[in-house]
Amino acid sequence: MNRGVFGVMMATSLVVASPAWAIFNAQVLTGKRSSKFSSNGRSSDTLTGSELRAAAHIDPIPLVPIAFGIAASQTTFDTDSSKLGINKIDGTDIDLEIEAWLPLELAGLVPYAKVGYTIAGTYDMEVAAGTTDVPKIHYKPTGASFHVGLKYEFLLRLGVMAEFETATRKLKYDKITDAGVFNNLNLNDVDQNSTSILIGVQAGI
């Protein structure tokens, strides 16, 4: 075989290859979420919070690059939103996810995408009451999210990843606690529009 042709074939095999298939993967990511909250015609400023996200997926069909799983994210916004009268927001989203990726990788990089739907969770908003009472309003989230990202697999089933997420969630009013004199507040549902930039690691078996 011509040495030049052999060299091209070897280089191509290193650059473009099929990724290692994993039946199960677990992911942990962290980063920042930017959100706007709106309710009853009022909108907050863009709030930025720290997000921690964990996910697990199973690939039930061999050689088909689609996996199904569940993810949970925790986000804390500490920035005041005077427009909504909120001091702090703690949010937890539990999502069902479908993940798909390209069956070929380029120099170890694997593009992927996810579609998620929030089925459970809770958002606790601390009201800027200006009194000794610190009311907390509790909401239940639902909504959809879309994620795109890149994985770099430096070992067979272990790698690092970077992900961008955009999501729209409805926060349905549940209850108010520690309300004190604010117990009779007429509270509405809240809409959250957010984007997240996350980095993390993945391990598969």
C-alpha atoms as a PDB file:
ATOM      1  CA  MET A   1       0.000   0.000   0.000  1.00  0.00           C
ATOM      2  CA  ASN A   2       1.238   3.486  -0.839  1.00  0.00           C
ATOM      3  CA  ARG A   3       2.660   5.077   2.322  1.00  0.00           C
ATOM      4  CA  GLY A   4       0.882   8.369   1.640  1.00  0.00           C
ATOM      5  CA  VAL A   5      -2.511   6.687   1.410  1.00  0.00           C
ATOM      6  CA  PHE A   6      -1.801   4.695   4.573  1.00  0.00           C
ATOM      7  CA  GLY A   7      -0.900   7.908   6.438  1.00  0.00           C
ATOM      8  CA  VAL A   8      -4.150   9.591   5.382  1.00  0.00           C
ATOM      9  CA  MET A   9      -6.163   6.561   6.544  1.00  0.00           C
ATOM     10  CA  MET A  10      -4.430   6.564   9.944  1.00  0.00           C
ATOM     11  CA  ALA A  11      -4.978  10.306  10.436  1.00  0.00           C
ATOM     12  CA  THR A  12      -8.645  10.008   9.457  1.00  0.00           C
ATOM     13  CA  SER A  13      -9.178   7.177  11.935  1.00  0.00           C
ATOM     14  CA  LEU A  14      -7.843   9.392  14.727  1.00  0.00           C
ATOM     15  CA  VAL A  15      -9.925  12.427  13.789  1.00  0.00           C
ATOM     16  CA  VAL A  16     -13.279  10.839  12.894  1.00  0.00           C
ATOM     17  CA  ALA A  17     -14.434   7.783  14.830  1.00  0.00           C
ATOM     18  CA  SER A  18     -17.505   6.263  16.363  1.00  0.00           C
ATOM     19  CA  PRO A  19     -17.958   7.210  20.032  1.00  0.00           C
ATOM     20  CA  ALA A  20     -17.911   4.517  22.675  1.00  0.00           C
ATOM     21  CA  TRP A  21     -21.457   3.380  23.333  1.00  0.00           C
ATOM     22  CA  ALA A  22     -22.702   3.463  26.926  1.00  0.00           C
ATOM     23  CA  ILE A  23     -25.893   1.809  28.134  1.00  0.00           C
ATOM     24  CA  PHE A  24     -26.098   4.201  31.090  1.00  0.00           C
ATOM     25  CA  ASN A  25     -24.555   7.621  31.727  1.00  0.00           C
ATOM     26  CA  ALA A  26     -24.504  10.009  34.660  1.00  0.00           C
ATOM     27  CA  GLN A  27     -23.775  13.730  34.347  1.00  0.00           C
ATOM     28  CA  VAL A  28     -23.006  16.521  36.825  1.00  0.00           C
ATOM     29  CA  LEU A  29     -22.871  20.126  35.589  1.00  0.00           C
ATOM     30  CA  THR A  30     -22.554  23.528  37.203  1.00  0.00           C
ATOM     31  CA  GLY A  31     -22.710  27.095  35.971  1.00  0.00           C
ATOM     32  CA  LYS A  32     -24.915  30.163  35.801  1.00  0.00           C
ATOM     33  CA  ARG A  33     -28.599  30.650  34.989  1.00  0.00           C
ATOM     34  CA  SER A  34     -29.972  34.019  33.867  1.00  0.00           C
ATOM     35  CA  SER A  35     -33.722  34.429  34.325  1.00  0.00           C
ATOM     36  CA  LYS A  36     -36.530  36.911  34.064  1.00  0.00           C
ATOM     37  CA  PHE A  37     -39.597  36.407  36.226  1.00  0.00           C
ATOM     38  CA  SER A  38     -42.925  37.994  35.344  1.00  0.00           C
ATOM     39  CA  SER A  39     -46.286  38.044  37.084  1.00  0.00           C
ATOM     40  CA  ASN A  40     -49.470  40.071  36.723  1.00  0.00           C
ATOM     41  CA  GLY A  41     -47.950  42.376  34.114  1.00  0.00           C
ATOM     42  CA  ARG A  42     -44.730  43.046  36.048  1.00  0.00           C
ATOM     43  CA  SER A  43     -41.293  41.701  35.115  1.00  0.00           C
ATOM     44  CA  SER A  44     -38.117  41.426  37.134  1.00  0.00           C
ATOM     45  CA  ASP A  45     -34.710  42.531  36.023  1.00  0.00           C
ATOM     46  CA  THR A  46     -32.532  39.766  34.593  1.00  0.00           C
ATOM     47  CA  LEU A  47     -31.415  37.783  37.634  1.00  0.00           C
ATOM     48  CA  THR A  48     -28.318  35.561  37.627  1.00  0.00           C
ATOM     49  CA  GLY A  49     -28.048  32.537  39.882  1.00  0.00           C
ATOM     50  CA  SER A  50     -25.738  29.590  40.521  1.00  0.00           C
ATOM     51  CA  GLU A  51     -27.046  26.342  39.063  1.00  0.00           C
ATOM     52  CA  LEU A  52     -26.098  22.746  39.873  1.00  0.00           C
ATOM     53  CA  ARG A  53     -27.537  20.045  37.637  1.00  0.00           C
ATOM     54  CA  ALA A  54     -27.350  16.243  37.813  1.00  0.00           C
ATOM     55  CA  ALA A  55     -28.763  13.856  35.223  1.00  0.00           C
ATOM     56  CA  ALA A  56     -28.874  10.159  34.424  1.00  0.00           C
ATOM     57  CA  HIS A  57     -29.831   8.583  31.103  1.00  0.00           C
ATOM     58  CA  ILE A  58     -30.283   5.087  29.743  1.00  0.00           C
ATOM     59  CA  ASP A  59     -29.786   4.085  26.107  1.00  0.00           C
ATOM     60  CA  PRO A  60     -32.279   1.228  25.624  1.00  0.00           C
ATOM     61  CA  ILE A  61     -31.590   0.523  21.928  1.00  0.00           C
ATOM     62  CA  PRO A  62     -28.049  -0.548  20.993  1.00  0.00           C
ATOM     63  CA  LEU A  63     -26.334   1.599  18.332  1.00  0.00           C
ATOM     64  CA  VAL A  64     -29.219   4.116  18.258  1.00  0.00           C
ATOM     65  CA  PRO A  65     -27.928   7.487  19.560  1.00  0.00           C
ATOM     66  CA  ILE A  66     -30.950   8.355  21.694  1.00  0.00           C
ATOM     67  CA  ALA A  67     -31.210   8.086  25.485  1.00  0.00           C
ATOM     68  CA  PHE A  68     -33.979   8.726  27.991  1.00  0.00           C
ATOM     69  CA  GLY A  69     -33.507   9.980  31.509  1.00  0.00           C
ATOM     70  CA  ILE A  70     -34.222  12.289  34.382  1.00  0.00           C
ATOM     71  CA  ALA A  71     -32.456  15.437  35.591  1.00  0.00           C
ATOM     72  CA  ALA A  72     -32.607  17.612  38.682  1.00  0.00           C
ATOM     73  CA  SER A  73     -31.303  21.156  38.947  1.00  0.00           C
ATOM     74  CA  GLN A  74     -30.914  23.499  41.908  1.00  0.00           C
ATOM     75  CA  THR A  75     -30.617  27.250  41.303  1.00  0.00           C
ATOM     76  CA  THR A  76     -30.187  30.040  43.847  1.00  0.00           C
ATOM     77  CA  PHE A  77     -30.716  33.688  42.942  1.00  0.00           C
ATOM     78  CA  ASP A  78     -29.400  36.048  45.626  1.00  0.00           C
ATOM     79  CA  THR A  79     -29.891  39.284  43.704  1.00  0.00           C
ATOM     80  CA  ASP A  80     -32.733  41.487  44.900  1.00  0.00           C
ATOM     81  CA  SER A  81     -35.580  42.129  42.487  1.00  0.00           C
ATOM     82  CA  SER A  82     -37.216  45.309  43.706  1.00  0.00           C
ATOM     83  CA  LYS A  83     -39.698  45.167  40.827  1.00  0.00           C
ATOM     84  CA  LEU A  84     -41.247  42.002  42.281  1.00  0.00           C
ATOM     85  CA  GLY A  85     -40.425  42.677  45.944  1.00  0.00           C
ATOM     86  CA  ILE A  86     -38.302  39.508  46.234  1.00  0.00           C
ATOM     87  CA  ASN A  87     -35.023  39.139  48.163  1.00  0.00           C
ATOM     88  CA  LYS A  88     -34.027  35.582  47.261  1.00  0.00           C
ATOM     89  CA  ILE A  89     -35.212  32.734  45.032  1.00  0.00           C
ATOM     90  CA  ASP A  90     -34.337  29.048  45.473  1.00  0.00           C
ATOM     91  CA  GLY A  91     -35.529  26.824  42.642  1.00  0.00           C
ATOM     92  CA  THR A  92     -35.511  23.076  42.067  1.00  0.00           C
ATOM     93  CA  ASP A  93     -36.533  21.563  38.729  1.00  0.00           C
ATOM     94  CA  ILE A  94     -37.018  17.852  38.097  1.00  0.00           C
ATOM     95  CA  ASP A  95     -37.131  17.102  34.381  1.00  0.00           C
ATOM     96  CA  LEU A  96     -37.739  14.157  32.100  1.00  0.00           C
ATOM     97  CA  GLU A  97     -35.225  14.287  29.248  1.00  0.00           C
ATOM     98  CA  ILE A  98     -34.525  12.868  25.814  1.00  0.00           C
ATOM     99  CA  GLU A  99     -30.896  13.122  24.727  1.00  0.00           C
ATOM    100  CA  ALA A 100     -29.602  12.603  21.179  1.00  0.00           C
ATOM    101  CA  TRP A 101     -26.083  12.896  19.797  1.00  0.00           C
ATOM    102  CA  LEU A 102     -24.215  12.461  16.539  1.00  0.00           C
ATOM    103  CA  PRO A 103     -22.994   8.858  16.084  1.00  0.00           C
ATOM    104  CA  LEU A 104     -19.620  10.177  14.872  1.00  0.00           C
ATOM    105  CA  GLU A 105     -17.085  12.222  16.787  1.00  0.00           C
ATOM    106  CA  LEU A 106     -14.496  14.683  15.560  1.00  0.00           C
ATOM    107  CA  ALA A 107     -11.203  14.574  17.470  1.00  0.00           C
ATOM    108  CA  GLY A 108     -13.090  13.311  20.512  1.00  0.00           C
ATOM    109  CA  LEU A 109     -15.851  15.971  20.351  1.00  0.00           C
ATOM    110  CA  VAL A 110     -19.456  14.752  20.262  1.00  0.00           C
ATOM    111  CA  PRO A 111     -22.272  17.289  19.624  1.00  0.00           C
ATOM    112  CA  TYR A 112     -25.518  16.532  21.442  1.00  0.00           C
ATOM    113  CA  ALA A 113     -28.942  17.956  22.175  1.00  0.00           C
ATOM    114  CA  LYS A 114     -31.585  17.393  24.850  1.00  0.00           C
ATOM    115  CA  VAL A 115     -35.271  18.173  25.169  1.00  0.00           C
ATOM    116  CA  GLY A 116     -36.671  18.269  28.690  1.00  0.00           C
ATOM    117  CA  TYR A 117     -39.979  18.797  30.433  1.00  0.00           C
ATOM    118  CA  THR A 118     -40.255  19.840  34.077  1.00  0.00           C
ATOM    119  CA  ILE A 119     -42.631  17.512  35.907  1.00  0.00           C
ATOM    120  CA  ALA A 120     -41.919  18.458  39.532  1.00  0.00           C
ATOM    121  CA  GLY A 121     -39.910  20.699  41.804  1.00  0.00           C
ATOM    122  CA  THR A 122     -40.375  23.772  43.937  1.00  0.00           C
ATOM    123  CA  TYR A 123     -39.490  27.474  43.887  1.00  0.00           C
ATOM    124  CA  ASP A 124     -39.259  29.360  47.192  1.00  0.00           C
ATOM    125  CA  MET A 125     -39.319  33.150  46.957  1.00  0.00           C
ATOM    126  CA  GLU A 126     -38.403  35.216  50.010  1.00  0.00           C
ATOM    127  CA  VAL A 127     -40.460  38.393  50.165  1.00  0.00           C
ATOM    128  CA  ALA A 128     -38.798  41.725  50.938  1.00  0.00           C
ATOM    129  CA  ALA A 129     -41.335  42.441  53.661  1.00  0.00           C
ATOM    130  CA  GLY A 130     -39.453  45.097  55.624  1.00  0.00           C
ATOM    131  CA  THR A 131     -40.744  43.633  58.909  1.00  0.00           C
ATOM    132  CA  THR A 132     -39.667  40.959  61.373  1.00  0.00           C
ATOM    133  CA  ASP A 133     -41.768  38.502  59.353  1.00  0.00           C
ATOM    134  CA  VAL A 134     -39.994  36.970  56.341  1.00  0.00           C
ATOM    135  CA  PRO A 135     -42.735  35.439  54.179  1.00  0.00           C
ATOM    136  CA  LYS A 136     -41.807  32.691  51.746  1.00  0.00           C
ATOM    137  CA  ILE A 137     -43.958  32.026  48.689  1.00  0.00           C
ATOM    138  CA  HIS A 138     -43.840  28.483  47.303  1.00  0.00           C
ATOM    139  CA  TYR A 139     -44.476  27.585  43.665  1.00  0.00           C
ATOM    140  CA  LYS A 140     -44.604  24.363  41.619  1.00  0.00           C
ATOM    141  CA  PRO A 141     -42.788  24.520  38.241  1.00  0.00           C
ATOM    142  CA  THR A 142     -43.754  23.013  34.891  1.00  0.00           C
ATOM    143  CA  GLY A 143     -42.390  23.774  31.447  1.00  0.00           C
ATOM    144  CA  ALA A 144     -40.015  22.866  28.648  1.00  0.00           C
ATOM    145  CA  SER A 145     -36.279  23.207  28.091  1.00  0.00           C
ATOM    146  CA  PHE A 146     -33.921  22.738  25.162  1.00  0.00           C
ATOM    147  CA  HIS A 147     -30.192  22.044  25.505  1.00  0.00           C
ATOM    148  CA  VAL A 148     -27.283  21.872  23.069  1.00  0.00           C
ATOM    149  CA  GLY A 149     -23.710  21.019  23.896  1.00  0.00           C
ATOM    150  CA  LEU A 150     -20.411  19.318  23.200  1.00  0.00           C
ATOM    151  CA  LYS A 151     -18.790  16.392  24.973  1.00  0.00           C
ATOM    152  CA  TYR A 152     -15.098  15.605  24.878  1.00  0.00           C
ATOM    153  CA  GLU A 153     -14.462  11.954  25.647  1.00  0.00           C
ATOM    154  CA  PHE A 154     -10.841  11.570  26.695  1.00  0.00           C
ATOM    155  CA  LEU A 155     -11.352   8.025  27.991  1.00  0.00           C
ATOM    156  CA  LEU A 156     -13.669   5.340  26.672  1.00  0.00           C
ATOM    157  CA  ARG A 157     -16.770   6.452  28.594  1.00  0.00           C
ATOM    158  CA  LEU A 158     -15.521   9.354  30.672  1.00  0.00           C
ATOM    159  CA  GLY A 159     -15.510  12.928  29.483  1.00  0.00           C
ATOM    160  CA  VAL A 160     -16.150  16.608  30.054  1.00  0.00           C
ATOM    161  CA  MET A 161     -19.010  18.599  28.591  1.00  0.00           C
ATOM    162  CA  ALA A 162     -20.240  22.138  27.969  1.00  0.00           C
ATOM    163  CA  GLU A 163     -23.949  22.879  27.620  1.00  0.00           C
ATOM    164  CA  PHE A 164     -26.283  25.758  26.790  1.00  0.00           C
ATOM    165  CA  GLU A 165     -29.913  25.611  27.937  1.00  0.00           C
ATOM    166  CA  THR A 166     -32.930  27.761  27.216  1.00  0.00           C
ATOM    167  CA  ALA A 167     -36.169  27.161  29.114  1.00  0.00           C
ATOM    168  CA  THR A 168     -39.653  28.524  29.694  1.00  0.00           C
ATOM    169  CA  ARG A 169     -41.377  27.462  32.900  1.00  0.00           C
ATOM    170  CA  LYS A 170     -44.660  28.304  34.601  1.00  0.00           C
ATOM    171  CA  LEU A 171     -44.434  28.606  38.370  1.00  0.00           C
ATOM    172  CA  LYS A 172     -47.839  27.793  39.806  1.00  0.00           C
ATOM    173  CA  TYR A 173     -48.617  29.329  43.195  1.00  0.00           C
ATOM    174  CA  ASP A 174     -48.767  26.685  45.918  1.00  0.00           C
ATOM    175  CA  LYS A 175     -48.731  28.335  49.352  1.00  0.00           C
ATOM    176  CA  ILE A 176     -47.186  31.020  51.555  1.00  0.00           C
ATOM    177  CA  THR A 177     -45.412  30.320  54.849  1.00  0.00           C
ATOM    178  CA  ASP A 178     -44.130  32.563  57.668  1.00  0.00           C
ATOM    179  CA  ALA A 179     -46.516  35.167  56.307  1.00  0.00           C
ATOM    180  CA  GLY A 180     -47.446  37.019  59.488  1.00  0.00           C
ATOM    181  CA  VAL A 181     -49.508  40.075  58.543  1.00  0.00           C
ATOM    182  CA  PHE A 182     -49.099  39.162  54.850  1.00  0.00           C
ATOM    183  CA  ASN A 183     -51.202  36.009  55.132  1.00  0.00           C
ATOM    184  CA  ASN A 184     -54.016  37.428  52.995  1.00  0.00           C
ATOM    185  CA  LEU A 185     -51.905  38.370  49.974  1.00  0.00           C
ATOM    186  CA  ASN A 186     -53.549  37.714  46.608  1.00  0.00           C
ATOM    187  CA  LEU A 187     -50.737  35.899  44.781  1.00  0.00           C
ATOM    188  CA  ASN A 188     -50.525  34.952  41.100  1.00  0.00           C
ATOM    189  CA  ASP A 189     -48.575  32.410  39.094  1.00  0.00           C
ATOM    190  CA  VAL A 190     -45.144  33.443  37.787  1.00  0.00           C
ATOM    191  CA  ASP A 191     -43.497  32.890  34.396  1.00  0.00           C
ATOM    192  CA  GLN A 192     -39.754  32.199  34.191  1.00  0.00           C
ATOM    193  CA  ASN A 193     -37.734  32.566  30.991  1.00  0.00           C
ATOM    194  CA  SER A 194     -34.125  31.484  31.431  1.00  0.00           C
ATOM    195  CA  THR A 195     -30.838  30.612  29.796  1.00  0.00           C
ATOM    196  CA  SER A 196     -28.045  28.594  31.387  1.00  0.00           C
ATOM    197  CA  ILE A 197     -24.384  28.007  30.553  1.00  0.00           C
ATOM    198  CA  LEU A 198     -23.010  24.895  32.241  1.00  0.00           C
ATOM    199  CA  ILE A 199     -19.854  22.791  32.293  1.00  0.00           C
ATOM    200  CA  GLY A 200     -19.460  19.359  33.815  1.00  0.00           C
ATOM    201  CA  VAL A 201     -18.423  15.742  33.586  1.00  0.00           C
ATOM    202  CA  GLN A 202     -20.032  12.544  32.333  1.00  0.00           C
ATOM    203  CA  ALA A 203     -19.363   8.917  33.163  1.00  0.00           C
ATOM    204  CA  GLY A 204     -20.917   5.917  31.420  1.00  0.00           C
ATOM    205  CA  ILE A 205     -21.067   2.170  31.732  1.00  0.00           C
END
